[in-house]
C-alpha atoms as a PDB file:
ATOM      1  CA  UNK A   1       0.000   0.000   0.000  1.00  0.00           C
ATOM      2  CA  UNK A   2       1.230   3.466  -0.852  1.00  0.00           C
ATOM      3  CA  UNK A   3       0.758   6.492   1.356  1.00  0.00           C
ATOM      4  CA  UNK A   4      -1.620   8.051  -1.187  1.00  0.00           C
ATOM      5  CA  UNK A   5      -3.902   5.012  -0.911  1.00  0.00           C
ATOM      6  CA  UNK A   6      -3.803   5.217   2.887  1.00  0.00           C
ATOM      7  CA  UNK A   7      -4.959   8.849   2.754  1.00  0.00           C
ATOM      8  CA  UNK A   8      -7.674   7.990   0.209  1.00  0.00           C
ATOM      9  CA  UNK A   9      -9.023   5.298   2.521  1.00  0.00           C
ATOM     10  CA  UNK A  10      -8.940   7.630   5.512  1.00  0.00           C
ATOM     11  CA  UNK A  11     -10.780  10.295   3.499  1.00  0.00           C
ATOM     12  CA  UNK A  12     -13.359   7.725   2.426  1.00  0.00           C
ATOM     13  CA  UNK A  13     -14.100   6.550   5.959  1.00  0.00           C
ATOM     14  CA  UNK A  14     -13.711   9.756   7.944  1.00  0.00           C
ATOM     15  CA  UNK A  15     -14.433  12.470   5.410  1.00  0.00           C
ATOM     16  CA  UNK A  16     -11.898  14.569   3.592  1.00  0.00           C
ATOM     17  CA  UNK A  17     -11.775  17.376   6.140  1.00  0.00           C
ATOM     18  CA  UNK A  18     -11.790  15.278   9.309  1.00  0.00           C
ATOM     19  CA  UNK A  19      -9.352  12.555   8.188  1.00  0.00           C
ATOM     20  CA  UNK A  20      -6.285  14.802   8.500  1.00  0.00           C
ATOM     21  CA  UNK A  21      -7.353  16.096  11.907  1.00  0.00           C
ATOM     22  CA  UNK A  22      -8.034  12.574  13.162  1.00  0.00           C
ATOM     23  CA  UNK A  23      -4.703  11.326  11.780  1.00  0.00           C
ATOM     24  CA  UNK A  24      -2.861  14.104  13.585  1.00  0.00           C
ATOM     25  CA  UNK A  25      -4.633  13.838  16.943  1.00  0.00           C
ATOM     26  CA  UNK A  26      -5.847  10.291  17.550  1.00  0.00           C
ATOM     27  CA  UNK A  27      -3.252   7.996  19.155  1.00  0.00           C
ATOM     28  CA  UNK A  28      -3.721   4.353  18.190  1.00  0.00           C
ATOM     29  CA  UNK A  29      -2.868   1.415  20.421  1.00  0.00           C
ATOM     30  CA  UNK A  30      -1.855  -0.589  17.358  1.00  0.00           C
ATOM     31  CA  UNK A  31       0.796   2.021  16.620  1.00  0.00           C
ATOM     32  CA  UNK A  32       2.272   2.069  20.125  1.00  0.00           C
ATOM     33  CA  UNK A  33       0.129   5.077  21.052  1.00  0.00           C
ATOM     34  CA  UNK A  34       1.327   7.105  18.066  1.00  0.00           C
ATOM     35  CA  UNK A  35      -0.887   9.001  15.673  1.00  0.00           C
ATOM     36  CA  UNK A  36      -1.060   8.085  11.998  1.00  0.00           C
ATOM     37  CA  UNK A  37       1.151  11.059  11.175  1.00  0.00           C
ATOM     38  CA  UNK A  38       3.717  10.144  13.841  1.00  0.00           C
ATOM     39  CA  UNK A  39       3.824   6.532  12.701  1.00  0.00           C
ATOM     40  CA  UNK A  40       4.335   7.529   9.071  1.00  0.00           C
ATOM     41  CA  UNK A  41       7.075   9.982  10.077  1.00  0.00           C
ATOM     42  CA  UNK A  42       8.748   7.173  12.038  1.00  0.00           C
ATOM     43  CA  UNK A  43       8.796   4.981   8.931  1.00  0.00           C
ATOM     44  CA  UNK A  44       6.036   2.561   9.877  1.00  0.00           C
ATOM     45  CA  UNK A  45       4.793   0.860   6.686  1.00  0.00           C
ATOM     46  CA  UNK A  46       1.497   2.196   5.366  1.00  0.00           C
ATOM     47  CA  UNK A  47      -0.032  -1.273   5.452  1.00  0.00           C
ATOM     48  CA  UNK A  48       0.720  -1.537   9.182  1.00  0.00           C
ATOM     49  CA  UNK A  49      -0.725   1.925   9.763  1.00  0.00           C
ATOM     50  CA  UNK A  50      -3.880   1.011   7.839  1.00  0.00           C
ATOM     51  CA  UNK A  51      -4.373  -2.168   9.870  1.00  0.00           C
ATOM     52  CA  UNK A  52      -4.189  -0.137  13.079  1.00  0.00           C
ATOM     53  CA  UNK A  53      -6.682   2.379  11.659  1.00  0.00           C
ATOM     54  CA  UNK A  54      -8.953  -0.447  10.482  1.00  0.00           C
ATOM     55  CA  UNK A  55      -8.944  -1.940  13.962  1.00  0.00           C
ATOM     56  CA  UNK A  56      -9.493   1.377  15.745  1.00  0.00           C
ATOM     57  CA  UNK A  57     -12.426   2.330  13.513  1.00  0.00           C
ATOM     58  CA  UNK A  58     -13.886  -1.186  13.732  1.00  0.00           C
ATOM     59  CA  UNK A  59     -14.294  -1.349   9.965  1.00  0.00           C
ATOM     60  CA  UNK A  60     -15.716  -4.432   8.243  1.00  0.00           C
ATOM     61  CA  UNK A  61     -13.342  -7.233   7.236  1.00  0.00           C
ATOM     62  CA  UNK A  62     -13.731  -6.396   3.539  1.00  0.00           C
ATOM     63  CA  UNK A  63     -12.008  -3.053   4.204  1.00  0.00           C
ATOM     64  CA  UNK A  64      -8.872  -4.659   5.594  1.00  0.00           C
END
């Protein structure tokens, strides 16, 4: 997964305006209490970030 796809998925599920705010402010347990932005800056693979987002948002299995 590329970073652009990660952002597209976040926009799709959270809305274009809110996705960036959520990604900057919401710490995820699956990312060792980092935000999406912090995890990406630390070099965490986008696929790993998406799985943590998927879990936190309790999205359906087909979205994984």
